[in-house]
Amino acid sequence: MKLRLFVLGLLAFLLVLPLSSTEFKTEGYEEVDEKTLELKPEDYRNKKIFYQGVYASTQTSFPPYVERSGIKAGKHYWLLVTPHNLPVIVKKGKDFDEPVAALKRNSTLKLYGKIKKFKYKPDLSTLPQYYLDLDYLEVIEEAEDAEEPKTPEEKWRERVRDIKERERLFRPPLPPK
């Protein structure tokens, strides 16, 4: 009896093992050009796609129509990635928290997901009606670190130096004697 239970347990473990693979399968995703996606995201509604975009920032507050559609600020991230008329919505969790936090501005990303339509229409026609429900995020090219920000004192000295230089260059000519 114990041997049967052991064998059944071992078989169940071996059957579940391939399902728990952490590698993302990219089969079934259609590559879409960024410009095409910017012009007509509705053509790809409910289709699995992937595209490359440039990361700008992350938003944690959403417009009211997005919240009414069931996408809550406490449970999701809104990634601003080109094209900007197609927001990338990411569900918060162990799979995406660390990668989203590590993103740097102007990094090139490859985004895999499904195009969906918000359940509610936006109040303004310029706001997006479709979004990418992100399945997988891949960093293609990480942006270089920006210069360290200047201290207020350095900014002030630089500004004074610029003003003095401008005065020196554009000093009106002296009147003739």
Protein backbone atom coordinates (compact mmCIF):
# COMPACT_ATOMS: atom_id res chain seq x y z
CA MET A 1 0.00 0.00 0.00
CA LYS A 2 2.79 2.44 0.90
CA LEU A 3 4.65 1.52 -2.27
CA ARG A 4 1.56 2.29 -4.39
CA LEU A 5 1.13 5.68 -2.73
CA PHE A 6 4.81 6.42 -3.26
CA VAL A 7 4.64 5.47 -6.96
CA LEU A 8 1.43 7.51 -7.46
CA GLY A 9 3.00 10.49 -5.73
CA LEU A 10 6.14 10.18 -7.85
CA LEU A 11 4.08 9.99 -11.06
CA ALA A 12 2.00 13.02 -10.06
CA PHE A 13 5.20 14.96 -9.32
CA LEU A 14 6.73 14.03 -12.68
CA LEU A 15 3.55 15.09 -14.51
CA VAL A 16 3.42 18.47 -12.78
CA LEU A 17 7.16 19.16 -13.14
CA PRO A 18 7.05 20.21 -16.85
CA LEU A 19 4.09 22.53 -16.12
CA SER A 20 6.06 24.48 -13.54
CA SER A 21 8.74 25.56 -16.02
CA THR A 22 9.74 29.20 -15.53
CA GLU A 23 10.74 29.71 -19.18
CA PHE A 24 8.24 31.74 -21.17
CA LYS A 25 6.98 30.20 -24.42
CA THR A 26 6.82 32.75 -27.24
CA GLU A 27 4.98 30.51 -29.72
CA GLY A 28 1.59 31.83 -30.76
CA TYR A 29 2.55 35.51 -30.42
CA GLU A 30 2.40 37.61 -33.58
CA GLU A 31 5.05 40.28 -34.08
CA VAL A 32 3.56 43.72 -34.68
CA ASP A 33 5.31 46.89 -35.79
CA GLU A 34 5.16 49.74 -33.28
CA LYS A 35 3.78 52.22 -35.83
CA THR A 36 1.04 49.84 -36.97
CA LEU A 37 0.06 49.29 -33.36
CA GLU A 38 -0.01 53.04 -32.75
CA LEU A 39 -2.38 53.67 -35.66
CA LYS A 40 -4.77 50.71 -35.33
CA PRO A 41 -4.62 48.82 -32.02
CA GLU A 42 -8.23 47.67 -32.57
CA ASP A 43 -7.06 45.41 -35.44
CA TYR A 44 -5.26 43.23 -32.87
CA ARG A 45 -8.04 43.06 -30.27
CA ASN A 46 -7.94 39.77 -28.30
CA LYS A 47 -4.83 38.64 -30.19
CA LYS A 48 -1.53 37.63 -28.65
CA ILE A 49 1.17 39.95 -29.92
CA PHE A 50 4.67 41.14 -29.16
CA TYR A 51 6.45 44.35 -30.10
CA GLN A 52 9.42 46.47 -29.13
CA GLY A 53 8.98 49.79 -27.39
CA VAL A 54 10.92 52.34 -25.38
CA TYR A 55 10.10 52.60 -21.68
CA ALA A 56 9.29 56.07 -20.31
CA SER A 57 7.88 55.61 -16.79
CA THR A 58 5.46 53.77 -14.52
CA GLN A 59 2.15 55.18 -13.32
CA THR A 60 0.34 53.99 -10.23
CA SER A 61 -2.74 56.17 -10.51
CA PHE A 62 -5.31 55.57 -13.24
CA PRO A 63 -8.10 57.59 -14.87
CA PRO A 64 -11.63 56.85 -13.58
CA TYR A 65 -12.73 54.88 -16.65
CA VAL A 66 -9.75 52.52 -16.19
CA GLU A 67 -10.65 51.97 -12.53
CA ARG A 68 -14.29 51.31 -13.49
CA SER A 69 -13.02 48.71 -15.98
CA GLY A 70 -11.63 46.70 -13.06
CA ILE A 71 -7.99 47.75 -13.26
CA LYS A 72 -7.14 49.00 -9.78
CA ALA A 73 -4.13 51.08 -8.79
CA GLY A 74 -3.42 48.81 -5.84
CA LYS A 75 -3.29 45.69 -8.03
CA HIS A 76 -1.78 46.91 -11.31
CA TYR A 77 1.00 49.00 -12.85
CA TRP A 78 0.56 51.22 -15.90
CA LEU A 79 3.77 51.22 -17.95
CA LEU A 80 4.24 54.14 -20.31
CA VAL A 81 5.93 52.54 -23.30
CA THR A 82 5.92 53.70 -26.92
CA PRO A 83 3.41 53.88 -28.56
CA HIS A 84 1.89 56.00 -25.80
CA ASN A 85 -1.68 55.55 -27.01
CA LEU A 86 -1.50 51.88 -25.94
CA PRO A 87 -0.93 51.58 -22.20
CA VAL A 88 0.75 48.45 -20.90
CA ILE A 89 -1.10 47.10 -17.86
CA VAL A 90 0.82 44.78 -15.55
CA LYS A 91 -0.67 42.87 -12.64
CA LYS A 92 1.36 43.37 -9.48
CA GLY A 93 2.91 40.19 -8.17
CA LYS A 94 6.13 38.29 -7.70
CA ASP A 95 6.61 37.82 -11.46
CA PHE A 96 6.65 41.53 -12.35
CA ASP A 97 7.45 43.53 -9.19
CA GLU A 98 11.24 43.21 -9.45
CA PRO A 99 11.54 43.65 -13.24
CA VAL A 100 9.28 46.73 -13.24
CA ALA A 101 11.22 48.29 -10.35
CA ALA A 102 14.51 47.70 -12.19
CA LEU A 103 13.41 49.37 -15.43
CA LYS A 104 15.35 52.46 -16.46
CA ARG A 105 14.01 55.32 -18.54
CA ASN A 106 14.70 54.94 -22.30
CA SER A 107 15.34 51.18 -22.05
CA THR A 108 14.22 49.17 -25.08
CA LEU A 109 11.73 46.45 -24.16
CA LYS A 110 10.11 43.53 -25.91
CA LEU A 111 6.54 43.19 -24.64
CA TYR A 112 4.41 40.05 -24.96
CA GLY A 113 0.70 40.18 -24.22
CA LYS A 114 -2.87 40.37 -25.40
CA ILE A 115 -4.61 43.51 -26.70
CA LYS A 116 -7.81 44.17 -24.76
CA LYS A 117 -10.43 46.90 -24.75
CA PHE A 118 -11.37 48.79 -21.60
CA LYS A 119 -14.88 47.89 -20.44
CA TYR A 120 -15.82 51.57 -20.14
CA LYS A 121 -15.27 54.29 -22.71
CA PRO A 122 -13.04 57.22 -21.73
CA ASP A 123 -14.62 60.60 -21.10
CA LEU A 124 -12.27 62.19 -23.63
CA SER A 125 -11.85 60.72 -27.08
CA THR A 126 -8.07 61.27 -26.95
CA LEU A 127 -7.61 58.78 -24.10
CA PRO A 128 -6.76 55.19 -25.05
CA GLN A 129 -9.56 52.64 -25.48
CA TYR A 130 -7.26 49.61 -25.77
CA TYR A 131 -4.42 48.29 -23.63
CA LEU A 132 -1.84 45.53 -23.64
CA ASP A 133 -2.39 42.98 -20.88
CA LEU A 134 1.25 42.02 -20.31
CA ASP A 135 2.26 38.35 -20.18
CA TYR A 136 6.03 38.69 -20.38
CA LEU A 137 8.59 41.50 -20.34
CA GLU A 138 12.05 41.27 -21.86
CA VAL A 139 14.70 44.00 -21.65
CA ILE A 140 16.44 44.23 -25.03
CA GLU A 141 18.73 47.18 -24.35
CA GLU A 142 19.11 48.80 -20.97
CA ALA A 143 19.57 52.56 -20.95
CA GLU A 144 22.78 54.00 -19.61
CA ASP A 145 22.72 55.63 -16.22
CA ALA A 146 22.07 59.32 -16.36
CA GLU A 147 24.41 61.84 -14.80
CA GLU A 148 24.02 62.43 -11.11
CA PRO A 149 21.68 65.34 -10.47
CA LYS A 150 23.33 68.62 -9.66
CA THR A 151 23.00 70.14 -6.24
CA PRO A 152 21.05 73.41 -5.96
CA GLU A 153 24.32 75.25 -5.32
CA GLU A 154 25.89 73.88 -8.53
CA LYS A 155 22.77 74.80 -10.51
CA TRP A 156 22.87 78.33 -9.08
CA ARG A 157 26.58 78.82 -9.88
CA GLU A 158 26.06 77.53 -13.42
CA ARG A 159 23.14 79.91 -13.92
CA VAL A 160 25.13 82.93 -12.64
CA ARG A 161 28.04 81.96 -14.92
CA ASP A 162 25.67 81.78 -17.92
CA ILE A 163 24.17 85.19 -17.14
CA LYS A 164 27.62 86.81 -16.85
CA GLU A 165 28.73 85.22 -20.11
CA ARG A 166 25.59 86.45 -21.87
CA GLU A 167 26.14 89.98 -20.50
CA ARG A 168 29.72 89.93 -21.72
CA LEU A 169 28.77 88.75 -25.23
CA PHE A 170 25.78 91.00 -25.72
CA ARG A 171 27.00 94.19 -24.05
CA PRO A 172 25.76 97.17 -26.02
CA PRO A 173 28.50 99.24 -27.68
CA LEU A 174 29.66 102.37 -25.93
CA PRO A 175 28.42 105.66 -27.43
CA PRO A 176 31.03 107.68 -29.34
CA LYS A 177 32.70 110.58 -27.45
